[in-house]
Amino acid sequence: MSAGKQSVLTDHNPLLRPVIGLAENLPKKDLERITIEAIRKHRRLRDEAEFLEASYSEQPARSSDTVGPARLAWVSAMIQVHTQQTLLSTLLNVLGYIPDVPDDKAALAG
């Protein structure tokens, strides 16, 4: 890794400043509601990415100039997971705690 890239990675702050500005003056009840929605969305994106990973893992390796549509779909899904994780981390930082969010499957069964 070049020195320039290394310093960029070292100085990287994973919080989204515009989100902090929007969220920091919200009442805790409203911020918690938004944070819970972000947690649920992160779970859905994670589950989708895991499903896509399983589907591309079952396909034989390709030897061409592309990784193929299944792997590309998984990479795209993982980018969405990581983007959502940055948003979620920012919201949790502003909220100051992790709200209790039951598993969606447990909530449906109850």
PDB file of N, CA and C in Angstrom:
ATOM      1  N   MET A   1       0.843  -1.172   0.000  1.00  0.00           N
ATOM      2  CA  MET A   1       0.000   0.000   0.000  1.00  0.00           C
ATOM      3  C   MET A   1       0.882   1.227   0.000  1.00  0.00           C
ATOM      4  N   SER A   2       0.527   2.203  -0.809  1.00  0.00           N
ATOM      5  CA  SER A   2       1.338   3.424  -0.878  1.00  0.00           C
ATOM      6  C   SER A   2       1.106   4.277   0.362  1.00  0.00           C
ATOM      7  N   ALA A   3       2.068   5.166   0.632  1.00  0.00           N
ATOM      8  CA  ALA A   3       1.984   6.025   1.811  1.00  0.00           C
ATOM      9  C   ALA A   3       0.733   6.901   1.761  1.00  0.00           C
ATOM     10  N   GLY A   4       0.372   7.382   0.586  1.00  0.00           N
ATOM     11  CA  GLY A   4      -0.830   8.210   0.449  1.00  0.00           C
ATOM     12  C   GLY A   4      -2.092   7.459   0.822  1.00  0.00           C
ATOM     13  N   LYS A   5      -2.224   6.251   0.344  1.00  0.00           N
ATOM     14  CA  LYS A   5      -3.398   5.455   0.672  1.00  0.00           C
ATOM     15  C   LYS A   5      -3.424   5.096   2.146  1.00  0.00           C
ATOM     16  N   GLN A   6      -2.262   4.803   2.694  1.00  0.00           N
ATOM     17  CA  GLN A   6      -2.199   4.428   4.105  1.00  0.00           C
ATOM     18  C   GLN A   6      -2.688   5.584   4.980  1.00  0.00           C
ATOM     19  N   SER A   7      -2.277   6.810   4.682  1.00  0.00           N
ATOM     20  CA  SER A   7      -2.710   7.940   5.503  1.00  0.00           C
ATOM     21  C   SER A   7      -4.210   8.185   5.350  1.00  0.00           C
ATOM     22  N   VAL A   8      -4.743   7.963   4.172  1.00  0.00           N
ATOM     23  CA  VAL A   8      -6.178   8.124   3.973  1.00  0.00           C
ATOM     24  C   VAL A   8      -6.932   7.116   4.828  1.00  0.00           C
ATOM     25  N   LEU A   9      -6.482   5.880   4.851  1.00  0.00           N
ATOM     26  CA  LEU A   9      -7.143   4.864   5.650  1.00  0.00           C
ATOM     27  C   LEU A   9      -7.001   5.133   7.143  1.00  0.00           C
ATOM     28  N   THR A  10      -5.843   5.588   7.574  1.00  0.00           N
ATOM     29  CA  THR A  10      -5.609   5.864   8.978  1.00  0.00           C
ATOM     30  C   THR A  10      -6.466   7.029   9.464  1.00  0.00           C
ATOM     31  N   ASP A  11      -6.645   8.042   8.633  1.00  0.00           N
ATOM     32  CA  ASP A  11      -7.389   9.232   9.021  1.00  0.00           C
ATOM     33  C   ASP A  11      -8.891   9.108   8.766  1.00  0.00           C
ATOM     34  N   HIS A  12      -9.327   7.986   8.264  1.00  0.00           N
ATOM     35  CA  HIS A  12     -10.731   7.809   7.905  1.00  0.00           C
ATOM     36  C   HIS A  12     -11.613   7.826   9.146  1.00  0.00           C
ATOM     37  N   ASN A  13     -12.644   8.652   9.128  1.00  0.00           N
ATOM     38  CA  ASN A  13     -13.624   8.702  10.200  1.00  0.00           C
ATOM     39  C   ASN A  13     -14.927   8.136   9.644  1.00  0.00           C
ATOM     40  N   PRO A  14     -15.406   7.018  10.181  1.00  0.00           N
ATOM     41  CA  PRO A  14     -16.568   6.363   9.580  1.00  0.00           C
ATOM     42  C   PRO A  14     -17.912   7.023   9.892  1.00  0.00           C
ATOM     43  N   LEU A  15     -17.923   8.203  10.502  1.00  0.00           N
ATOM     44  CA  LEU A  15     -19.187   8.862  10.799  1.00  0.00           C
ATOM     45  C   LEU A  15     -19.574   9.807   9.669  1.00  0.00           C
ATOM     46  N   LEU A  16     -20.858   9.912   9.434  1.00  0.00           N
ATOM     47  CA  LEU A  16     -21.386  10.769   8.381  1.00  0.00           C
ATOM     48  C   LEU A  16     -21.805  12.111   8.992  1.00  0.00           C
ATOM     49  N   ARG A  17     -20.998  13.120   8.774  1.00  0.00           N
ATOM     50  CA  ARG A  17     -21.253  14.417   9.393  1.00  0.00           C
ATOM     51  C   ARG A  17     -22.628  15.008   9.044  1.00  0.00           C
ATOM     52  N   PRO A  18     -23.118  14.906   7.804  1.00  0.00           N
ATOM     53  CA  PRO A  18     -24.453  15.442   7.519  1.00  0.00           C
ATOM     54  C   PRO A  18     -25.547  14.739   8.339  1.00  0.00           C
ATOM     55  N   VAL A  19     -25.380  13.459   8.572  1.00  0.00           N
ATOM     56  CA  VAL A  19     -26.366  12.715   9.361  1.00  0.00           C
ATOM     57  C   VAL A  19     -26.313  13.183  10.817  1.00  0.00           C
ATOM     58  N   ILE A  20     -25.110  13.434  11.320  1.00  0.00           N
ATOM     59  CA  ILE A  20     -24.976  13.949  12.687  1.00  0.00           C
ATOM     60  C   ILE A  20     -25.733  15.271  12.805  1.00  0.00           C
ATOM     61  N   GLY A  21     -25.540  16.152  11.825  1.00  0.00           N
ATOM     62  CA  GLY A  21     -26.224  17.437  11.845  1.00  0.00           C
ATOM     63  C   GLY A  21     -27.738  17.304  11.830  1.00  0.00           C
ATOM     64  N   LEU A  22     -28.238  16.354  11.053  1.00  0.00           N
ATOM     65  CA  LEU A  22     -29.685  16.153  10.980  1.00  0.00           C
ATOM     66  C   LEU A  22     -30.248  15.500  12.234  1.00  0.00           C
ATOM     67  N   ALA A  23     -29.474  14.617  12.852  1.00  0.00           N
ATOM     68  CA  ALA A  23     -29.994  13.788  13.938  1.00  0.00           C
ATOM     69  C   ALA A  23     -29.754  14.336  15.336  1.00  0.00           C
ATOM     70  N   GLU A  24     -28.709  15.128  15.525  1.00  0.00           N
ATOM     71  CA  GLU A  24     -28.305  15.474  16.885  1.00  0.00           C
ATOM     72  C   GLU A  24     -29.311  16.321  17.656  1.00  0.00           C
ATOM     73  N   ASN A  25     -30.192  17.020  16.983  1.00  0.00           N
ATOM     74  CA  ASN A  25     -31.180  17.842  17.690  1.00  0.00           C
ATOM     75  C   ASN A  25     -32.571  17.225  17.726  1.00  0.00           C
ATOM     76  N   LEU A  26     -32.685  15.993  17.242  1.00  0.00           N
ATOM     77  CA  LEU A  26     -33.977  15.313  17.311  1.00  0.00           C
ATOM     78  C   LEU A  26     -34.255  14.854  18.738  1.00  0.00           C
ATOM     79  N   PRO A  27     -35.532  14.804  19.138  1.00  0.00           N
ATOM     80  CA  PRO A  27     -35.861  14.190  20.422  1.00  0.00           C
ATOM     81  C   PRO A  27     -35.393  12.721  20.410  1.00  0.00           C
ATOM     82  N   LYS A  28     -34.946  12.223  21.561  1.00  0.00           N
ATOM     83  CA  LYS A  28     -34.427  10.851  21.649  1.00  0.00           C
ATOM     84  C   LYS A  28     -35.422   9.837  21.099  1.00  0.00           C
ATOM     85  N   LYS A  29     -36.707  10.036  21.357  1.00  0.00           N
ATOM     86  CA  LYS A  29     -37.732   9.098  20.883  1.00  0.00           C
ATOM     87  C   LYS A  29     -37.720   9.004  19.352  1.00  0.00           C
ATOM     88  N   ASP A  30     -37.614  10.140  18.695  1.00  0.00           N
ATOM     89  CA  ASP A  30     -37.591  10.162  17.229  1.00  0.00           C
ATOM     90  C   ASP A  30     -36.291   9.576  16.694  1.00  0.00           C
ATOM     91  N   LEU A  31     -35.178   9.937  17.315  1.00  0.00           N
ATOM     92  CA  LEU A  31     -33.882   9.403  16.887  1.00  0.00           C
ATOM     93  C   LEU A  31     -33.830   7.894  17.091  1.00  0.00           C
ATOM     94  N   GLU A  32     -34.382   7.426  18.191  1.00  0.00           N
ATOM     95  CA  GLU A  32     -34.410   5.976  18.424  1.00  0.00           C
ATOM     96  C   GLU A  32     -35.242   5.277  17.352  1.00  0.00           C
ATOM     97  N   ARG A  33     -36.358   5.853  16.967  1.00  0.00           N
ATOM     98  CA  ARG A  33     -37.207   5.257  15.923  1.00  0.00           C
ATOM     99  C   ARG A  33     -36.442   5.142  14.594  1.00  0.00           C
ATOM    100  N   ILE A  34     -35.728   6.212  14.219  1.00  0.00           N
ATOM    101  CA  ILE A  34     -34.938   6.187  12.985  1.00  0.00           C
ATOM    102  C   ILE A  34     -33.818   5.154  13.087  1.00  0.00           C
ATOM    103  N   THR A  35     -33.198   5.076  14.255  1.00  0.00           N
ATOM    104  CA  THR A  35     -32.102   4.124  14.459  1.00  0.00           C
ATOM    105  C   THR A  35     -32.605   2.691  14.377  1.00  0.00           C
ATOM    106  N   ILE A  36     -33.759   2.415  14.958  1.00  0.00           N
ATOM    107  CA  ILE A  36     -34.343   1.067  14.886  1.00  0.00           C
ATOM    108  C   ILE A  36     -34.657   0.701  13.434  1.00  0.00           C
ATOM    109  N   GLU A  37     -35.183   1.645  12.673  1.00  0.00           N
ATOM    110  CA  GLU A  37     -35.428   1.397  11.245  1.00  0.00           C
ATOM    111  C   GLU A  37     -34.123   1.073  10.523  1.00  0.00           C
ATOM    112  N   ALA A  38     -33.047   1.792  10.864  1.00  0.00           N
ATOM    113  CA  ALA A  38     -31.743   1.557  10.241  1.00  0.00           C
ATOM    114  C   ALA A  38     -31.194   0.180  10.619  1.00  0.00           C
ATOM    115  N   ILE A  39     -31.415  -0.239  11.853  1.00  0.00           N
ATOM    116  CA  ILE A  39     -30.983  -1.574  12.286  1.00  0.00           C
ATOM    117  C   ILE A  39     -31.726  -2.642  11.497  1.00  0.00           C
ATOM    118  N   ARG A  40     -33.016  -2.490  11.369  1.00  0.00           N
ATOM    119  CA  ARG A  40     -33.817  -3.476  10.617  1.00  0.00           C
ATOM    120  C   ARG A  40     -33.402  -3.524   9.147  1.00  0.00           C
ATOM    121  N   LYS A  41     -33.161  -2.356   8.560  1.00  0.00           N
ATOM    122  CA  LYS A  41     -32.712  -2.330   7.168  1.00  0.00           C
ATOM    123  C   LYS A  41     -31.349  -3.001   7.034  1.00  0.00           C
ATOM    124  N   HIS A  42     -30.448  -2.750   7.979  1.00  0.00           N
ATOM    125  CA  HIS A  42     -29.133  -3.390   7.940  1.00  0.00           C
ATOM    126  C   HIS A  42     -29.279  -4.903   8.000  1.00  0.00           C
ATOM    127  N   ARG A  43     -30.161  -5.395   8.837  1.00  0.00           N
ATOM    128  CA  ARG A  43     -30.394  -6.843   8.941  1.00  0.00           C
ATOM    129  C   ARG A  43     -30.906  -7.417   7.618  1.00  0.00           C
ATOM    130  N   ARG A  44     -31.841  -6.700   6.982  1.00  0.00           N
ATOM    131  CA  ARG A  44     -32.376  -7.174   5.692  1.00  0.00           C
ATOM    132  C   ARG A  44     -31.283  -7.208   4.625  1.00  0.00           C
ATOM    133  N   LEU A  45     -30.484  -6.141   4.557  1.00  0.00           N
ATOM    134  CA  LEU A  45     -29.402  -6.093   3.572  1.00  0.00           C
ATOM    135  C   LEU A  45     -28.388  -7.201   3.829  1.00  0.00           C
ATOM    136  N   ARG A  46     -28.060  -7.440   5.101  1.00  0.00           N
ATOM    137  CA  ARG A  46     -27.114  -8.511   5.461  1.00  0.00           C
ATOM    138  C   ARG A  46     -27.654  -9.872   5.030  1.00  0.00           C
ATOM    139  N   ASP A  47     -28.932 -10.111   5.302  1.00  0.00           N
ATOM    140  CA  ASP A  47     -29.536 -11.394   4.929  1.00  0.00           C
ATOM    141  C   ASP A  47     -29.538 -11.588   3.414  1.00  0.00           C
ATOM    142  N   GLU A  48     -29.834 -10.516   2.683  1.00  0.00           N
ATOM    143  CA  GLU A  48     -29.811 -10.581   1.218  1.00  0.00           C
ATOM    144  C   GLU A  48     -28.406 -10.884   0.713  1.00  0.00           C
ATOM    145  N   ALA A  49     -27.416 -10.224   1.282  1.00  0.00           N
ATOM    146  CA  ALA A  49     -26.025 -10.452   0.868  1.00  0.00           C
ATOM    147  C   ALA A  49     -25.597 -11.887   1.160  1.00  0.00           C
ATOM    148  N   GLU A  50     -25.998 -12.419   2.307  1.00  0.00           N
ATOM    149  CA  GLU A  50     -25.666 -13.807   2.631  1.00  0.00           C
ATOM    150  C   GLU A  50     -26.306 -14.776   1.643  1.00  0.00           C
ATOM    151  N   PHE A  51     -27.537 -14.501   1.257  1.00  0.00           N
ATOM    152  CA  PHE A  51     -28.216 -15.338   0.272  1.00  0.00           C
ATOM    153  C   PHE A  51     -27.489 -15.283  -1.068  1.00  0.00           C
ATOM    154  N   LEU A  52     -27.111 -14.084  -1.483  1.00  0.00           N
ATOM    155  CA  LEU A  52     -26.407 -13.928  -2.763  1.00  0.00           C
ATOM    156  C   LEU A  52     -25.034 -14.584  -2.728  1.00  0.00           C
ATOM    157  N   GLU A  53     -24.367 -14.531  -1.584  1.00  0.00           N
ATOM    158  CA  GLU A  53     -23.068 -15.180  -1.470  1.00  0.00           C
ATOM    159  C   GLU A  53     -23.205 -16.689  -1.653  1.00  0.00           C
ATOM    160  N   ALA A  54     -24.217 -17.266  -1.055  1.00  0.00           N
ATOM    161  CA  ALA A  54     -24.443 -18.706  -1.191  1.00  0.00           C
ATOM    162  C   ALA A  54     -24.721 -19.069  -2.649  1.00  0.00           C
ATOM    163  N   SER A  55     -25.472 -18.230  -3.359  1.00  0.00           N
ATOM    164  CA  SER A  55     -25.802 -18.559  -4.747  1.00  0.00           C
ATOM    165  C   SER A  55     -24.591 -18.464  -5.660  1.00  0.00           C
ATOM    166  N   TYR A  56     -23.710 -17.484  -5.436  1.00  0.00           N
ATOM    167  CA  TYR A  56     -22.537 -17.413  -6.315  1.00  0.00           C
ATOM    168  C   TYR A  56     -21.488 -18.430  -5.904  1.00  0.00           C
ATOM    169  N   SER A  57     -21.438 -18.793  -4.640  1.00  0.00           N
ATOM    170  CA  SER A  57     -20.455 -19.780  -4.174  1.00  0.00           C
ATOM    171  C   SER A  57     -20.711 -21.158  -4.775  1.00  0.00           C
ATOM    172  N   GLU A  58     -21.943 -21.425  -5.099  1.00  0.00           N
ATOM    173  CA  GLU A  58     -22.313 -22.730  -5.666  1.00  0.00           C
ATOM    174  C   GLU A  58     -21.985 -22.832  -7.154  1.00  0.00           C
ATOM    175  N   GLN A  59     -21.720 -21.714  -7.798  1.00  0.00           N
ATOM    176  CA  GLN A  59     -21.419 -21.724  -9.224  1.00  0.00           C
ATOM    177  C   GLN A  59     -19.940 -21.991  -9.448  1.00  0.00           C
ATOM    178  N   PRO A  60     -19.618 -22.689 -10.528  1.00  0.00           N
ATOM    179  CA  PRO A  60     -18.202 -22.942 -10.822  1.00  0.00           C
ATOM    180  C   PRO A  60     -17.464 -21.643 -11.143  1.00  0.00           C
ATOM    181  N   ALA A  61     -16.165 -21.634 -10.863  1.00  0.00           N
ATOM    182  CA  ALA A  61     -15.343 -20.456 -11.146  1.00  0.00           C
ATOM    183  C   ALA A  61     -15.310 -20.190 -12.643  1.00  0.00           C
ATOM    184  N   ARG A  62     -15.287 -18.913 -12.984  1.00  0.00           N
ATOM    185  CA  ARG A  62     -15.242 -18.516 -14.388  1.00  0.00           C
ATOM    186  C   ARG A  62     -13.855 -18.007 -14.714  1.00  0.00           C
ATOM    187  N   SER A  63     -13.476 -18.224 -15.942  1.00  0.00           N
ATOM    188  CA  SER A  63     -12.190 -17.671 -16.387  1.00  0.00           C
ATOM    189  C   SER A  63     -12.462 -16.730 -17.555  1.00  0.00           C
ATOM    190  N   SER A  64     -12.871 -15.518 -17.219  1.00  0.00           N
ATOM    191  CA  SER A  64     -13.124 -14.519 -18.249  1.00  0.00           C
ATOM    192  C   SER A  64     -12.808 -13.145 -17.685  1.00  0.00           C
ATOM    193  N   ASP A  65     -13.270 -12.123 -18.361  1.00  0.00           N
ATOM    194  CA  ASP A  65     -12.979 -10.763 -17.930  1.00  0.00           C
ATOM    195  C   ASP A  65     -14.021 -10.224 -16.947  1.00  0.00           C
ATOM    196  N   THR A  66     -14.860 -11.089 -16.411  1.00  0.00           N
ATOM    197  CA  THR A  66     -15.853 -10.673 -15.427  1.00  0.00           C
ATOM    198  C   THR A  66     -16.009 -11.757 -14.367  1.00  0.00           C
ATOM    199  N   VAL A  67     -16.456 -11.352 -13.205  1.00  0.00           N
ATOM    200  CA  VAL A  67     -16.681 -12.324 -12.129  1.00  0.00           C
ATOM    201  C   VAL A  67     -18.041 -12.994 -12.271  1.00  0.00           C
ATOM    202  N   GLY A  68     -18.836 -12.501 -13.184  1.00  0.00           N
ATOM    203  CA  GLY A  68     -20.154 -13.076 -13.428  1.00  0.00           C
ATOM    204  C   GLY A  68     -21.244 -12.343 -12.672  1.00  0.00           C
ATOM    205  N   PRO A  69     -22.470 -12.480 -13.144  1.00  0.00           N
ATOM    206  CA  PRO A  69     -23.578 -11.714 -12.567  1.00  0.00           C
ATOM    207  C   PRO A  69     -23.885 -12.069 -11.114  1.00  0.00           C
ATOM    208  N   ALA A  70     -23.727 -13.322 -10.729  1.00  0.00           N
ATOM    209  CA  ALA A  70     -24.044 -13.700  -9.352  1.00  0.00           C
ATOM    210  C   ALA A  70     -23.059 -13.065  -8.366  1.00  0.00           C
ATOM    211  N   ARG A  71     -21.774 -13.138  -8.694  1.00  0.00           N
ATOM    212  CA  ARG A  71     -20.779 -12.538  -7.792  1.00  0.00           C
ATOM    213  C   ARG A  71     -20.891 -11.020  -7.805  1.00  0.00           C
ATOM    214  N   LEU A  72     -21.164 -10.444  -8.949  1.00  0.00           N
ATOM    215  CA  LEU A  72     -21.334  -9.000  -9.041  1.00  0.00           C
ATOM    216  C   LEU A  72     -22.529  -8.543  -8.193  1.00  0.00           C
ATOM    217  N   ALA A  73     -23.602  -9.315  -8.204  1.00  0.00           N
ATOM    218  CA  ALA A  73     -24.764  -8.996  -7.372  1.00  0.00           C
ATOM    219  C   ALA A  73     -24.389  -9.046  -5.891  1.00  0.00           C
ATOM    220  N   TRP A  74     -23.574 -10.022  -5.508  1.00  0.00           N
ATOM    221  CA  TRP A  74     -23.132 -10.130  -4.113  1.00  0.00           C
ATOM    222  C   TRP A  74     -22.253  -8.937  -3.732  1.00  0.00           C
ATOM    223  N   VAL A  75     -21.309  -8.556  -4.603  1.00  0.00           N
ATOM    224  CA  VAL A  75     -20.440  -7.411  -4.313  1.00  0.00           C
ATOM    225  C   VAL A  75     -21.294  -6.155  -4.141  1.00  0.00           C
ATOM    226  N   SER A  76     -22.261  -5.954  -5.005  1.00  0.00           N
ATOM    227  CA  SER A  76     -23.147  -4.800  -4.901  1.00  0.00           C
ATOM    228  C   SER A  76     -23.918  -4.834  -3.583  1.00  0.00           C
ATOM    229  N   ALA A  77     -24.404  -6.001  -3.209  1.00  0.00           N
ATOM    230  CA  ALA A  77     -25.130  -6.148  -1.943  1.00  0.00           C
ATOM    231  C   ALA A  77     -24.230  -5.850  -0.749  1.00  0.00           C
ATOM    232  N   MET A  78     -22.982  -6.294  -0.821  1.00  0.00           N
ATOM    233  CA  MET A  78     -22.051  -6.035   0.284  1.00  0.00           C
ATOM    234  C   MET A  78     -21.714  -4.547   0.392  1.00  0.00           C
ATOM    235  N   ILE A  79     -21.637  -3.864  -0.727  1.00  0.00           N
ATOM    236  CA  ILE A  79     -21.416  -2.414  -0.691  1.00  0.00           C
ATOM    237  C   ILE A  79     -22.584  -1.744   0.025  1.00  0.00           C
ATOM    238  N   GLN A  80     -23.789  -2.181  -0.270  1.00  0.00           N
ATOM    239  CA  GLN A  80     -24.964  -1.634   0.406  1.00  0.00           C
ATOM    240  C   GLN A  80     -24.934  -1.931   1.906  1.00  0.00           C
ATOM    241  N   VAL A  81     -24.507  -3.141   2.284  1.00  0.00           N
ATOM    242  CA  VAL A  81     -24.398  -3.499   3.703  1.00  0.00           C
ATOM    243  C   VAL A  81     -23.429  -2.558   4.410  1.00  0.00           C
ATOM    244  N   HIS A  82     -22.260  -2.339   3.811  1.00  0.00           N
ATOM    245  CA  HIS A  82     -21.254  -1.497   4.448  1.00  0.00           C
ATOM    246  C   HIS A  82     -21.684  -0.029   4.494  1.00  0.00           C
ATOM    247  N   THR A  83     -22.380   0.422   3.480  1.00  0.00           N
ATOM    248  CA  THR A  83     -22.903   1.786   3.472  1.00  0.00           C
ATOM    249  C   THR A  83     -23.926   1.954   4.589  1.00  0.00           C
ATOM    250  N   GLN A  84     -24.814   0.995   4.708  1.00  0.00           N
ATOM    251  CA  GLN A  84     -25.824   1.043   5.763  1.00  0.00           C
ATOM    252  C   GLN A  84     -25.168   0.952   7.142  1.00  0.00           C
ATOM    253  N   GLN A  85     -24.102   0.167   7.264  1.00  0.00           N
ATOM    254  CA  GLN A  85     -23.409   0.047   8.545  1.00  0.00           C
ATOM    255  C   GLN A  85     -22.807   1.395   8.958  1.00  0.00           C
ATOM    256  N   THR A  86     -22.284   2.155   8.012  1.00  0.00           N
ATOM    257  CA  THR A  86     -21.731   3.471   8.332  1.00  0.00           C
ATOM    258  C   THR A  86     -22.837   4.405   8.816  1.00  0.00           C
ATOM    259  N   LEU A  87     -23.978   4.377   8.136  1.00  0.00           N
ATOM    260  CA  LEU A  87     -25.123   5.178   8.574  1.00  0.00           C
ATOM    261  C   LEU A  87     -25.551   4.753   9.976  1.00  0.00           C
ATOM    262  N   LEU A  88     -25.675   3.451  10.182  1.00  0.00           N
ATOM    263  CA  LEU A  88     -26.109   2.933  11.475  1.00  0.00           C
ATOM    264  C   LEU A  88     -25.123   3.311  12.578  1.00  0.00           C
ATOM    265  N   SER A  89     -23.843   3.177  12.323  1.00  0.00           N
ATOM    266  CA  SER A  89     -22.831   3.551  13.315  1.00  0.00           C
ATOM    267  C   SER A  89     -22.944   5.025  13.688  1.00  0.00           C
ATOM    268  N   THR A  90     -23.209   5.855  12.700  1.00  0.00           N
ATOM    269  CA  THR A  90     -23.372   7.284  12.960  1.00  0.00           C
ATOM    270  C   THR A  90     -24.586   7.538  13.840  1.00  0.00           C
ATOM    271  N   LEU A  91     -25.709   6.923  13.508  1.00  0.00           N
ATOM    272  CA  LEU A  91     -26.926   7.102  14.301  1.00  0.00           C
ATOM    273  C   LEU A  91     -26.740   6.601  15.729  1.00  0.00           C
ATOM    274  N   LEU A  92     -26.095   5.453  15.875  1.00  0.00           N
ATOM    275  CA  LEU A  92     -25.855   4.908  17.215  1.00  0.00           C
ATOM    276  C   LEU A  92     -24.939   5.832  18.018  1.00  0.00           C
ATOM    277  N   ASN A  93     -23.972   6.431  17.347  1.00  0.00           N
ATOM    278  CA  ASN A  93     -23.068   7.356  18.013  1.00  0.00           C
ATOM    279  C   ASN A  93     -23.846   8.562  18.538  1.00  0.00           C
ATOM    280  N   VAL A  94     -24.735   9.101  17.730  1.00  0.00           N
ATOM    281  CA  VAL A  94     -25.529  10.258  18.150  1.00  0.00           C
ATOM    282  C   VAL A  94     -26.517   9.856  19.246  1.00  0.00           C
ATOM    283  N   LEU A  95     -27.155   8.700  19.087  1.00  0.00           N
ATOM    284  CA  LEU A  95     -28.134   8.242  20.079  1.00  0.00           C
ATOM    285  C   LEU A  95     -27.464   7.962  21.423  1.00  0.00           C
ATOM    286  N   GLY A  96     -26.289   7.368  21.386  1.00  0.00           N
ATOM    287  CA  GLY A  96     -25.548   7.121  22.612  1.00  0.00           C
ATOM    288  C   GLY A  96     -25.761   5.762  23.234  1.00  0.00           C
ATOM    289  N   TYR A  97     -26.605   4.951  22.639  1.00  0.00           N
ATOM    290  CA  TYR A  97     -26.846   3.594  23.127  1.00  0.00           C
ATOM    291  C   TYR A  97     -27.446   2.758  22.002  1.00  0.00           C
ATOM    292  N   ILE A  98     -27.458   1.449  22.209  1.00  0.00           N
ATOM    293  CA  ILE A  98     -28.046   0.543  21.223  1.00  0.00           C
ATOM    294  C   ILE A  98     -29.458   0.199  21.684  1.00  0.00           C
ATOM    295  N   PRO A  99     -30.457   0.606  20.914  1.00  0.00           N
ATOM    296  CA  PRO A  99     -31.830   0.297  21.338  1.00  0.00           C
ATOM    297  C   PRO A  99     -32.134  -1.191  21.183  1.00  0.00           C
ATOM    298  N   ASP A 100     -33.051  -1.654  21.985  1.00  0.00           N
ATOM    299  CA  ASP A 100     -33.482  -3.042  21.903  1.00  0.00           C
ATOM    300  C   ASP A 100     -34.342  -3.209  20.648  1.00  0.00           C
ATOM    301  N   VAL A 101     -33.915  -4.097  19.771  1.00  0.00           N
ATOM    302  CA  VAL A 101     -34.653  -4.360  18.533  1.00  0.00           C
ATOM    303  C   VAL A 101     -34.821  -5.866  18.417  1.00  0.00           C
ATOM    304  N   PRO A 102     -36.029  -6.354  18.669  1.00  0.00           N
ATOM    305  CA  PRO A 102     -36.207  -7.801  18.573  1.00  0.00           C
ATOM    306  C   PRO A 102     -35.980  -8.288  17.149  1.00  0.00           C
ATOM    307  N   ASP A 103     -35.546  -9.514  17.045  1.00  0.00           N
ATOM    308  CA  ASP A 103     -35.379 -10.153  15.742  1.00  0.00           C
ATOM    309  C   ASP A 103     -36.717 -10.121  15.027  1.00  0.00           C
ATOM    310  N   ASP A 104     -36.708  -9.770  13.744  1.00  0.00           N
ATOM    311  CA  ASP A 104     -37.968  -9.679  12.992  1.00  0.00           C
ATOM    312  C   ASP A 104     -38.749 -10.983  13.036  1.00  0.00           C
ATOM    313  N   LYS A 105     -38.058 -12.111  12.989  1.00  0.00           N
ATOM    314  CA  LYS A 105     -38.734 -13.401  13.007  1.00  0.00           C
ATOM    315  C   LYS A 105     -39.387 -13.637  14.373  1.00  0.00           C
ATOM    316  N   ALA A 106     -38.707 -13.245  15.452  1.00  0.00           N
ATOM    317  CA  ALA A 106     -39.255 -13.388  16.801  1.00  0.00           C
ATOM    318  C   ALA A 106     -40.468 -12.476  16.977  1.00  0.00           C
ATOM    319  N   ALA A 107     -40.402 -11.271  16.395  1.00  0.00           N
ATOM    320  CA  ALA A 107     -41.516 -10.336  16.500  1.00  0.00           C
ATOM    321  C   ALA A 107     -42.746 -10.864  15.777  1.00  0.00           C
ATOM    322  N   LEU A 108     -42.538 -11.540  14.640  1.00  0.00           N
ATOM    323  CA  LEU A 108     -43.649 -12.114  13.889  1.00  0.00           C
ATOM    324  C   LEU A 108     -44.275 -13.289  14.619  1.00  0.00           C
ATOM    325  N   ALA A 109     -43.444 -14.080  15.316  1.00  0.00           N
ATOM    326  CA  ALA A 109     -43.937 -15.259  16.021  1.00  0.00           C
ATOM    327  C   ALA A 109     -44.711 -14.874  17.278  1.00  0.00           C
ATOM    328  N   GLY A 110     -44.355 -13.725  17.877  1.00  0.00           N
ATOM    329  CA  GLY A 110     -44.974 -13.297  19.144  1.00  0.00           C
ATOM    330  C   GLY A 110     -46.270 -12.712  18.936  1.00  0.00           C
TER     331      GLY A 110
END
